[in-house]
């Protein structure tokens, strides 16, 4: 029978409902008997109907749920979509977590300092707010760091703390999350007291992994700009092992006609090794400190081969001058090229001097070079002391002309220009 209150089906012999304990009334009808109206029986019948209806609905719901699940698991087209969706969601969660960790300012500061103390300069460089160029890159940065004297490779422990509330660091940029400052307390092996340094990061205009704010370490005066390097004309310059290309060379002006001027738009500040070399120079290495707007002047000695060339050519010019002038040989027959007319003028002066002495002929007998050097105009000069012998005619008191021999001495400076592109010397001046 069914409970008139809750509709639960109970055994016929029960007097009370197993579910709600309400009193049960027999709602069955004997065969052939006329039913009499009984309110309790009506309630019991209603309860029975309600119970059967509820059981039927529960059965339908279970069947629907089971059918829905069966259809879902049997739909081979739907299952991959569900798997992909789940995978995408999982990857998105992982991506967000990893991206947030990678771009965390504290993690970037920590990565920078760890790279510093482990001398991993490539990873350290990746944390910096710099723009790559020929002389600002991971390779030149490694050389720059190796040349520094403040290595931290003996750090045993450190602690990284973000600075808040300090009037010096808590500025407008920090309040807008444009800048973050971290203090590092680190300990050196064998020392009990701590050392301190600050790491300042600025928010990059670029996004990391397309979505996340990125921060870079900024160092004051790390990169300096527009450094001028003055070198001997035609010299090749190497900066920390990297050759400075001729594209950085400026066109000479009146002030810089004596040298080549290279302008490097960006490089790391501090000490750098420069090497001056070339076809006419001895290799000369020097260390110079570079700051923003610096002007570095480099010098170099002429190579032995260049000195020998200059001496040989100078001696040839001197001999041609003195031999030719003594016999009044026209300048054009000397085989000397004169682009300015100054050399011919000097030759004619020497010719006039010999004429005044009635010199018939002369010859240079000795040439000693005091020095071979580069002057302030970027030219190369050979300074020589010479001795020459000459014959001259002289009329005696008796009116008879005689030929006498005498010895003369002079200092001669022969100057050449130098073409850096062709490595050729060109005679430009003779001073007697």
Protein backbone atom coordinates (compact mmCIF):
# COMPACT_ATOMS: atom_id res chain seq x y z
CA UNK A 1 0.00 0.00 0.00
CA UNK A 2 1.06 3.68 -0.45
CA UNK A 3 1.44 6.29 2.25
CA UNK A 4 -1.31 8.93 2.07
CA UNK A 5 1.14 11.58 3.23
CA UNK A 6 4.36 11.05 1.28
CA UNK A 7 3.28 8.46 -1.32
CA UNK A 8 5.98 5.95 -0.36
CA UNK A 9 5.13 2.33 -1.18
CA UNK A 10 4.96 0.15 1.95
CA UNK A 11 4.32 -3.60 2.56
CA UNK A 12 0.59 -4.33 2.91
CA UNK A 13 0.99 -5.59 6.48
CA UNK A 14 2.61 -2.32 7.70
CA UNK A 15 0.52 0.01 9.81
CA UNK A 16 2.93 2.94 9.62
CA UNK A 17 4.95 4.42 6.71
CA UNK A 18 8.55 3.37 6.57
CA UNK A 19 9.48 6.85 5.30
CA UNK A 20 7.46 9.39 7.27
CA UNK A 21 5.82 7.19 10.00
CA UNK A 22 2.34 8.33 9.01
CA UNK A 23 -0.47 5.86 9.68
CA UNK A 24 -1.25 3.63 6.71
CA UNK A 25 -4.75 2.86 5.44
CA UNK A 26 -5.52 -0.15 3.27
CA UNK A 27 -6.48 1.23 -0.15
CA UNK A 28 -7.10 -2.07 -1.86
CA UNK A 29 -10.74 -3.05 -2.91
CA UNK A 30 -12.10 -6.55 -2.24
CA UNK A 31 -13.39 -8.46 -5.27
CA UNK A 32 -17.16 -7.88 -5.83
CA UNK A 33 -17.45 -5.40 -2.99
CA UNK A 34 -18.87 -1.90 -3.54
CA UNK A 35 -16.48 0.75 -2.40
CA UNK A 36 -17.72 3.03 0.34
CA UNK A 37 -16.61 6.67 0.59
CA UNK A 38 -13.83 7.05 3.07
CA UNK A 39 -11.77 10.24 3.30
CA UNK A 40 -8.79 8.33 4.63
CA UNK A 41 -8.98 5.87 1.75
CA UNK A 42 -9.12 8.80 -0.71
CA UNK A 43 -5.98 10.27 0.84
CA UNK A 44 -4.33 6.87 0.65
CA UNK A 45 -5.28 6.54 -3.02
CA UNK A 46 -3.92 9.99 -3.75
CA UNK A 47 -0.74 9.05 -1.98
CA UNK A 48 -0.47 5.94 -4.08
CA UNK A 49 -0.91 7.91 -7.29
CA UNK A 50 1.66 10.47 -6.19
CA UNK A 51 4.16 7.77 -5.25
CA UNK A 52 3.78 5.96 -8.54
CA UNK A 53 4.09 9.22 -10.45
CA UNK A 54 7.27 10.15 -8.58
CA UNK A 55 8.78 6.73 -9.20
CA UNK A 56 7.93 7.02 -12.86
CA UNK A 57 9.54 10.46 -13.12
CA UNK A 58 12.68 9.27 -11.34
CA UNK A 59 12.89 6.35 -13.73
CA UNK A 60 12.48 8.67 -16.74
CA UNK A 61 15.16 11.07 -15.41
CA UNK A 62 17.61 8.25 -14.84
CA UNK A 63 17.00 6.88 -18.30
CA UNK A 64 17.42 10.32 -19.85
CA UNK A 65 20.65 10.94 -17.94
CA UNK A 66 21.96 7.53 -18.89
CA UNK A 67 20.97 8.03 -22.50
CA UNK A 68 22.56 11.47 -22.59
CA UNK A 69 25.82 10.10 -21.22
CA UNK A 70 25.75 7.16 -23.61
CA UNK A 71 25.12 9.48 -26.54
CA UNK A 72 27.93 11.75 -25.37
CA UNK A 73 30.43 8.94 -25.05
CA UNK A 74 29.33 7.33 -28.28
CA UNK A 75 29.59 10.60 -30.31
CA UNK A 76 33.05 10.27 -31.82
CA UNK A 77 32.90 13.76 -33.34
CA UNK A 78 32.11 15.46 -30.06
CA UNK A 79 34.71 13.72 -27.91
CA UNK A 80 37.81 15.22 -29.68
CA UNK A 81 36.31 18.68 -29.39
CA UNK A 82 35.81 18.19 -25.68
CA UNK A 83 39.39 16.93 -25.35
CA UNK A 84 40.81 19.87 -27.28
CA UNK A 85 38.80 22.32 -25.21
CA UNK A 86 40.08 20.81 -21.99
CA UNK A 87 43.64 20.86 -23.30
CA UNK A 88 43.35 24.49 -24.40
CA UNK A 89 42.03 25.49 -21.00
CA UNK A 90 44.85 23.63 -19.28
CA UNK A 91 47.47 25.21 -21.54
CA UNK A 92 45.98 28.65 -21.00
CA UNK A 93 46.25 28.21 -17.25
CA UNK A 94 49.84 26.99 -17.54
CA UNK A 95 50.71 29.81 -19.99
CA UNK A 96 49.31 32.44 -17.63
CA UNK A 97 51.23 31.02 -14.68
CA UNK A 98 54.51 30.73 -16.57
CA UNK A 99 54.14 34.16 -18.18
CA UNK A 100 53.45 35.81 -14.85
CA UNK A 101 56.48 34.12 -13.32
CA UNK A 102 58.83 34.99 -16.19
CA UNK A 103 57.80 38.66 -16.25
CA UNK A 104 57.74 39.15 -12.49
CA UNK A 105 60.04 42.13 -11.74
CA UNK A 106 61.45 40.35 -8.69
CA UNK A 107 62.23 37.23 -10.71
CA UNK A 108 63.95 39.34 -13.38
CA UNK A 109 66.04 41.13 -10.73
CA UNK A 110 66.90 37.77 -9.19
CA UNK A 111 67.88 36.33 -12.59
CA UNK A 112 70.08 39.36 -13.25
CA UNK A 113 71.94 39.09 -9.95
CA UNK A 114 72.36 35.30 -10.21
CA UNK A 115 73.82 35.78 -13.69
CA UNK A 116 76.13 38.46 -12.35
CA UNK A 117 77.62 36.35 -9.54
CA UNK A 118 77.91 33.28 -11.77
CA UNK A 119 79.59 35.28 -14.58
CA UNK A 120 76.86 34.24 -17.01
CA UNK A 121 77.13 37.47 -18.96
CA UNK A 122 74.94 36.35 -21.85
CA UNK A 123 71.98 35.75 -19.53
CA UNK A 124 72.83 38.93 -17.63
CA UNK A 125 72.76 40.89 -20.90
CA UNK A 126 69.30 39.50 -21.72
CA UNK A 127 67.97 41.32 -18.63
CA UNK A 128 69.30 44.73 -19.65
CA UNK A 129 67.42 47.64 -21.17
CA UNK A 130 69.72 48.10 -24.19
CA UNK A 131 69.41 48.17 -27.97
CA UNK A 132 71.66 45.85 -29.93
CA UNK A 133 74.25 47.40 -32.25
CA UNK A 134 77.68 46.50 -33.57
CA UNK A 135 79.39 47.49 -30.32
CA UNK A 136 76.48 46.89 -27.93
CA UNK A 137 75.61 43.21 -27.92
CA UNK A 138 76.02 40.10 -25.80
CA UNK A 139 79.57 39.49 -27.06
CA UNK A 140 80.90 42.99 -26.45
CA UNK A 141 79.09 43.02 -23.09
CA UNK A 142 80.94 39.84 -22.05
CA UNK A 143 84.27 41.49 -22.90
CA UNK A 144 83.19 44.65 -21.08
CA UNK A 145 82.34 42.67 -17.94
CA UNK A 146 85.56 40.64 -18.06
CA UNK A 147 87.56 43.88 -18.13
CA UNK A 148 85.84 45.16 -15.00
CA UNK A 149 87.51 44.80 -11.61
CA UNK A 150 84.33 44.47 -9.52
CA UNK A 151 83.65 40.77 -10.07
CA UNK A 152 81.14 39.15 -7.67
CA UNK A 153 81.91 35.51 -8.39
CA UNK A 154 82.76 34.81 -4.71
CA UNK A 155 79.28 35.63 -3.34
CA UNK A 156 78.05 32.90 -0.97
CA UNK A 157 74.56 34.13 -0.15
CA UNK A 158 72.21 36.99 -0.91
CA UNK A 159 68.74 38.36 -0.19
CA UNK A 160 66.58 40.33 -2.60
CA UNK A 161 64.05 42.86 -1.27
CA UNK A 162 61.81 45.30 -3.10
CA UNK A 163 62.09 48.87 -1.80
CA UNK A 164 58.84 50.54 -0.77
CA UNK A 165 58.10 53.89 0.78
CA UNK A 166 61.57 55.36 0.45
CA UNK A 167 61.34 58.95 -0.77
CA UNK A 168 64.26 58.42 -3.12
CA UNK A 169 62.94 55.33 -4.83
CA UNK A 170 59.19 55.60 -4.36
CA UNK A 171 58.72 58.17 -7.07
CA UNK A 172 55.99 58.77 -9.64
CA UNK A 173 57.37 56.13 -11.97
CA UNK A 174 57.20 53.49 -9.26
CA UNK A 175 53.69 54.50 -8.22
CA UNK A 176 52.61 53.90 -11.81
CA UNK A 177 54.46 50.56 -11.94
CA UNK A 178 56.81 52.02 -14.54
CA UNK A 179 59.83 51.36 -12.35
CA UNK A 180 60.75 48.82 -9.68
CA UNK A 181 63.74 48.99 -7.34
CA UNK A 182 65.20 46.04 -5.47
CA UNK A 183 67.91 46.01 -2.84
CA UNK A 184 70.35 43.10 -2.77
CA UNK A 185 72.18 42.23 0.42
CA UNK A 186 74.97 39.81 -0.43
CA UNK A 187 77.79 38.16 1.46
CA UNK A 188 81.33 37.57 0.21
CA UNK A 189 83.13 34.36 1.04
CA UNK A 190 85.17 34.82 4.22
CA UNK A 191 83.47 38.07 5.26
CA UNK A 192 80.75 38.35 7.89
CA UNK A 193 79.42 41.79 7.01
CA UNK A 194 77.01 42.22 4.15
CA UNK A 195 77.35 44.32 1.01
CA UNK A 196 74.57 46.15 -0.79
CA UNK A 197 73.56 47.08 -4.29
CA UNK A 198 70.35 48.28 -5.90
CA UNK A 199 68.83 46.88 -9.06
CA UNK A 200 66.48 49.25 -10.89
CA UNK A 201 64.03 47.94 -13.47
CA UNK A 202 61.87 49.92 -15.85
CA UNK A 203 58.77 48.74 -17.66
CA UNK A 204 59.46 47.96 -21.29
CA UNK A 205 57.25 49.31 -24.04
CA UNK A 206 57.13 45.82 -25.53
CA UNK A 207 55.07 42.94 -24.25
CA UNK A 208 56.56 39.63 -23.22
CA UNK A 209 54.87 36.59 -24.75
CA UNK A 210 52.39 39.03 -26.40
CA UNK A 211 50.35 39.64 -23.23
CA UNK A 212 52.56 40.32 -20.21
CA UNK A 213 54.26 43.51 -19.03
CA UNK A 214 58.01 43.13 -19.23
CA UNK A 215 60.69 44.81 -17.11
CA UNK A 216 64.35 45.44 -17.94
CA UNK A 217 67.32 46.33 -15.74
CA UNK A 218 68.61 49.83 -16.34
CA UNK A 219 72.19 50.84 -15.44
CA UNK A 220 73.31 54.45 -15.35
CA UNK A 221 76.05 55.29 -17.85
CA UNK A 222 76.21 51.69 -19.07
CA UNK A 223 75.97 52.74 -22.72
CA UNK A 224 77.68 55.94 -23.89
CA UNK A 225 77.02 57.69 -27.17
CA UNK A 226 78.91 59.54 -29.90
CA UNK A 227 82.46 58.60 -28.94
CA UNK A 228 85.09 60.13 -31.25
CA UNK A 229 88.30 58.22 -31.90
CA UNK A 230 91.19 60.11 -33.53
CA UNK A 231 93.78 57.86 -35.18
CA UNK A 232 96.84 58.21 -37.41
CA UNK A 233 95.80 58.52 -41.03
CA UNK A 234 95.23 55.16 -42.65
CA UNK A 235 95.46 53.21 -39.42
CA UNK A 236 93.17 50.30 -38.69
CA UNK A 237 91.46 50.40 -35.31
CA UNK A 238 90.25 47.43 -33.28
CA UNK A 239 88.02 47.95 -30.26
CA UNK A 240 87.97 45.04 -27.79
CA UNK A 241 88.82 42.67 -30.62
CA UNK A 242 86.21 44.10 -33.03
CA UNK A 243 87.52 46.01 -36.05
CA UNK A 244 85.97 49.46 -36.51
CA UNK A 245 84.72 49.62 -40.06
CA UNK A 246 85.56 52.55 -42.33
CA UNK A 247 81.86 53.41 -42.50
CA UNK A 248 82.34 55.06 -39.10
CA UNK A 249 85.09 57.32 -40.47
CA UNK A 250 84.19 60.97 -40.98
CA UNK A 251 85.32 63.19 -43.79
CA UNK A 252 88.37 65.17 -42.69
CA UNK A 253 88.00 68.85 -41.87
CA UNK A 254 90.71 71.49 -41.47
CA UNK A 255 90.91 70.67 -37.79
CA UNK A 256 91.15 66.92 -38.38
CA UNK A 257 93.17 66.82 -41.62
CA UNK A 258 96.09 65.29 -39.75
CA UNK A 259 94.18 62.16 -38.74
CA UNK A 260 91.23 59.89 -39.33
CA UNK A 261 88.20 60.45 -37.10
CA UNK A 262 85.84 57.62 -36.26
CA UNK A 263 82.55 58.21 -34.46
CA UNK A 264 80.96 55.29 -32.64
CA UNK A 265 77.32 56.10 -31.91
CA UNK A 266 76.91 53.62 -29.04
CA UNK A 267 79.26 51.49 -26.95
CA UNK A 268 79.70 50.42 -23.34
CA UNK A 269 81.34 52.97 -21.06
CA UNK A 270 84.46 52.22 -19.02
CA UNK A 271 87.86 50.83 -19.94
CA UNK A 272 88.42 49.43 -23.41
CA UNK A 273 91.36 47.94 -25.26
CA UNK A 274 92.26 49.68 -28.53
CA UNK A 275 94.66 48.26 -31.09
CA UNK A 276 96.19 50.50 -33.77
CA UNK A 277 97.66 48.68 -36.75
CA UNK A 278 98.05 49.01 -40.51
CA UNK A 279 100.38 48.62 -43.44
CA UNK A 280 102.62 51.50 -42.32
CA UNK A 281 102.26 51.16 -38.54
CA UNK A 282 103.60 48.95 -35.82
CA UNK A 283 100.86 47.30 -33.79
CA UNK A 284 100.16 49.52 -30.80
CA UNK A 285 97.76 48.48 -28.04
CA UNK A 286 96.48 50.87 -25.40
CA UNK A 287 93.73 50.90 -22.77
CA UNK A 288 91.53 54.00 -22.63
CA UNK A 289 88.61 54.98 -20.41
CA UNK A 290 85.53 55.89 -22.43
CA UNK A 291 82.67 58.11 -21.23
CA UNK A 292 79.79 59.80 -23.03
CA UNK A 293 81.03 62.33 -25.58
CA UNK A 294 84.65 61.20 -25.14
CA UNK A 295 87.35 62.07 -27.64
CA UNK A 296 90.08 59.44 -27.67
CA UNK A 297 93.38 60.17 -29.43
CA UNK A 298 95.41 57.13 -30.45
CA UNK A 299 98.99 57.13 -31.69
CA UNK A 300 101.22 54.57 -33.40
CA UNK A 301 104.78 54.24 -34.59
CA UNK A 302 105.60 53.76 -38.24
CA UNK A 303 106.56 50.24 -39.20
CA UNK A 304 110.15 49.44 -40.10
CA UNK A 305 109.10 48.88 -43.71
CA UNK A 306 107.39 52.29 -43.88
CA UNK A 307 110.42 54.02 -42.36
CA UNK A 308 112.71 52.36 -44.89
CA UNK A 309 110.44 53.42 -47.76
CA UNK A 310 110.37 57.02 -46.59
CA UNK A 311 114.14 57.15 -46.14
CA UNK A 312 114.81 55.62 -49.56
CA UNK A 313 112.45 57.96 -51.38
CA UNK A 314 113.68 60.99 -49.44
CA UNK A 315 117.32 60.22 -50.25
CA UNK A 316 116.42 59.90 -53.93
CA UNK A 317 114.69 63.30 -53.91
CA UNK A 318 117.63 64.97 -52.11
CA UNK A 319 120.17 63.60 -54.58
CA UNK A 320 118.04 64.68 -57.53
CA UNK A 321 117.71 68.17 -56.06
CA UNK A 322 121.39 68.80 -55.39
CA UNK A 323 122.77 67.13 -58.49
CA UNK A 324 120.19 68.81 -60.76
CA UNK A 325 120.48 72.29 -59.18
CA UNK A 326 124.29 72.22 -59.42
CA UNK A 327 124.15 71.84 -63.20
CA UNK A 328 121.04 74.06 -63.62
CA UNK A 329 118.90 71.19 -64.84
CA UNK A 330 115.27 72.20 -65.51
CA UNK A 331 112.89 70.97 -62.81
CA UNK A 332 110.70 69.20 -65.35
CA UNK A 333 113.58 66.87 -66.19
CA UNK A 334 113.99 65.62 -62.62
CA UNK A 335 111.06 63.18 -62.84
CA UNK A 336 109.47 64.63 -59.71
CA UNK A 337 105.72 65.22 -59.65
CA UNK A 338 104.72 68.51 -58.05
CA UNK A 339 101.02 69.04 -57.54
CA UNK A 340 101.26 72.43 -55.83
CA UNK A 341 104.30 74.12 -57.37
CA UNK A 342 105.97 74.47 -53.95
CA UNK A 343 108.55 71.77 -54.67
CA UNK A 344 109.66 73.42 -57.92
CA UNK A 345 109.91 76.73 -56.11
CA UNK A 346 112.31 75.26 -53.56
CA UNK A 347 114.35 73.63 -56.33
CA UNK A 348 114.71 76.93 -58.17
CA UNK A 349 115.88 78.61 -54.95
CA UNK A 350 118.60 75.98 -54.57
CA UNK A 351 119.57 76.44 -58.23
CA UNK A 352 119.96 80.19 -57.69
CA UNK A 353 122.16 79.59 -54.63
CA UNK A 354 124.48 77.36 -56.64
CA UNK A 355 124.56 79.91 -59.49
CA UNK A 356 125.68 82.64 -57.11
CA UNK A 357 128.60 80.43 -56.12
CA UNK A 358 129.42 79.59 -59.71
CA UNK A 359 128.86 75.92 -58.97
CA UNK A 360 129.60 73.76 -61.95
CA UNK A 361 128.48 70.45 -60.56
CA UNK A 362 127.76 68.83 -57.21
CA UNK A 363 126.95 65.53 -55.63
CA UNK A 364 125.59 64.42 -52.30
CA UNK A 365 128.17 62.30 -50.53
CA UNK A 366 126.50 61.55 -47.22
CA UNK A 367 122.95 61.40 -45.89
CA UNK A 368 122.12 60.80 -42.23
CA UNK A 369 118.49 60.71 -41.13
CA UNK A 370 117.77 62.17 -37.72
CA UNK A 371 114.17 60.99 -37.61
CA UNK A 372 111.14 59.88 -39.57
CA UNK A 373 107.87 61.03 -38.06
CA UNK A 374 104.23 61.95 -38.56
CA UNK A 375 103.47 65.64 -38.22
CA UNK A 376 100.35 67.40 -36.97
CA UNK A 377 98.94 67.54 -40.48
CA UNK A 378 98.85 63.78 -40.87
CA UNK A 379 101.85 63.75 -43.18
CA UNK A 380 105.11 61.84 -42.83
CA UNK A 381 108.49 63.52 -42.88
CA UNK A 382 112.10 62.39 -43.07
CA UNK A 383 114.58 64.77 -41.45
CA UNK A 384 118.13 64.36 -42.84
CA UNK A 385 121.54 65.97 -42.40
CA UNK A 386 123.48 65.84 -45.66
CA UNK A 387 126.99 66.47 -46.85
CA UNK A 388 127.67 67.35 -50.47
CA UNK A 389 130.70 68.13 -52.57
CA UNK A 390 130.61 70.65 -55.42
CA UNK A 391 132.96 72.12 -57.98
CA UNK A 392 132.85 75.82 -58.69
CA UNK A 393 134.78 78.20 -60.93
CA UNK A 394 136.70 81.11 -59.57
CA UNK A 395 138.74 83.78 -61.30
CA UNK A 396 142.04 84.50 -59.65
CA UNK A 397 143.90 87.76 -59.26
CA UNK A 398 145.69 86.90 -62.42
CA UNK A 399 142.41 86.77 -64.32
CA UNK A 400 142.61 83.03 -64.86
CA UNK A 401 139.51 80.93 -64.05
CA UNK A 402 140.12 77.98 -61.86
CA UNK A 403 137.90 75.14 -60.76
CA UNK A 404 137.83 74.54 -57.04
CA UNK A 405 136.18 71.90 -54.91
CA UNK A 406 134.36 72.52 -51.66
CA UNK A 407 132.12 70.73 -49.23
CA UNK A 408 128.72 71.88 -48.08
CA UNK A 409 126.32 70.82 -45.32
CA UNK A 410 122.58 71.18 -45.07
CA UNK A 411 119.50 69.97 -43.24
CA UNK A 412 116.72 68.76 -45.51
CA UNK A 413 113.20 67.71 -44.54
CA UNK A 414 111.24 65.75 -47.14
CA UNK A 415 107.49 65.37 -46.50
CA UNK A 416 104.97 62.92 -47.96
CA UNK A 417 101.23 62.60 -47.67
CA UNK A 418 99.71 59.17 -47.22
CA UNK A 419 96.67 57.71 -48.99
CA UNK A 420 94.96 55.37 -46.54
CA UNK A 421 93.00 53.63 -49.29
CA UNK A 422 95.97 52.86 -51.54
CA UNK A 423 98.69 52.86 -48.83
CA UNK A 424 100.80 55.11 -51.09
CA UNK A 425 103.12 57.94 -50.11
CA UNK A 426 103.10 61.08 -52.28
CA UNK A 427 105.83 63.76 -52.17
CA UNK A 428 104.34 67.10 -51.19
CA UNK A 429 107.15 69.24 -49.76
CA UNK A 430 110.93 69.72 -49.57
CA UNK A 431 112.42 72.10 -47.01
CA UNK A 432 116.11 73.03 -47.24
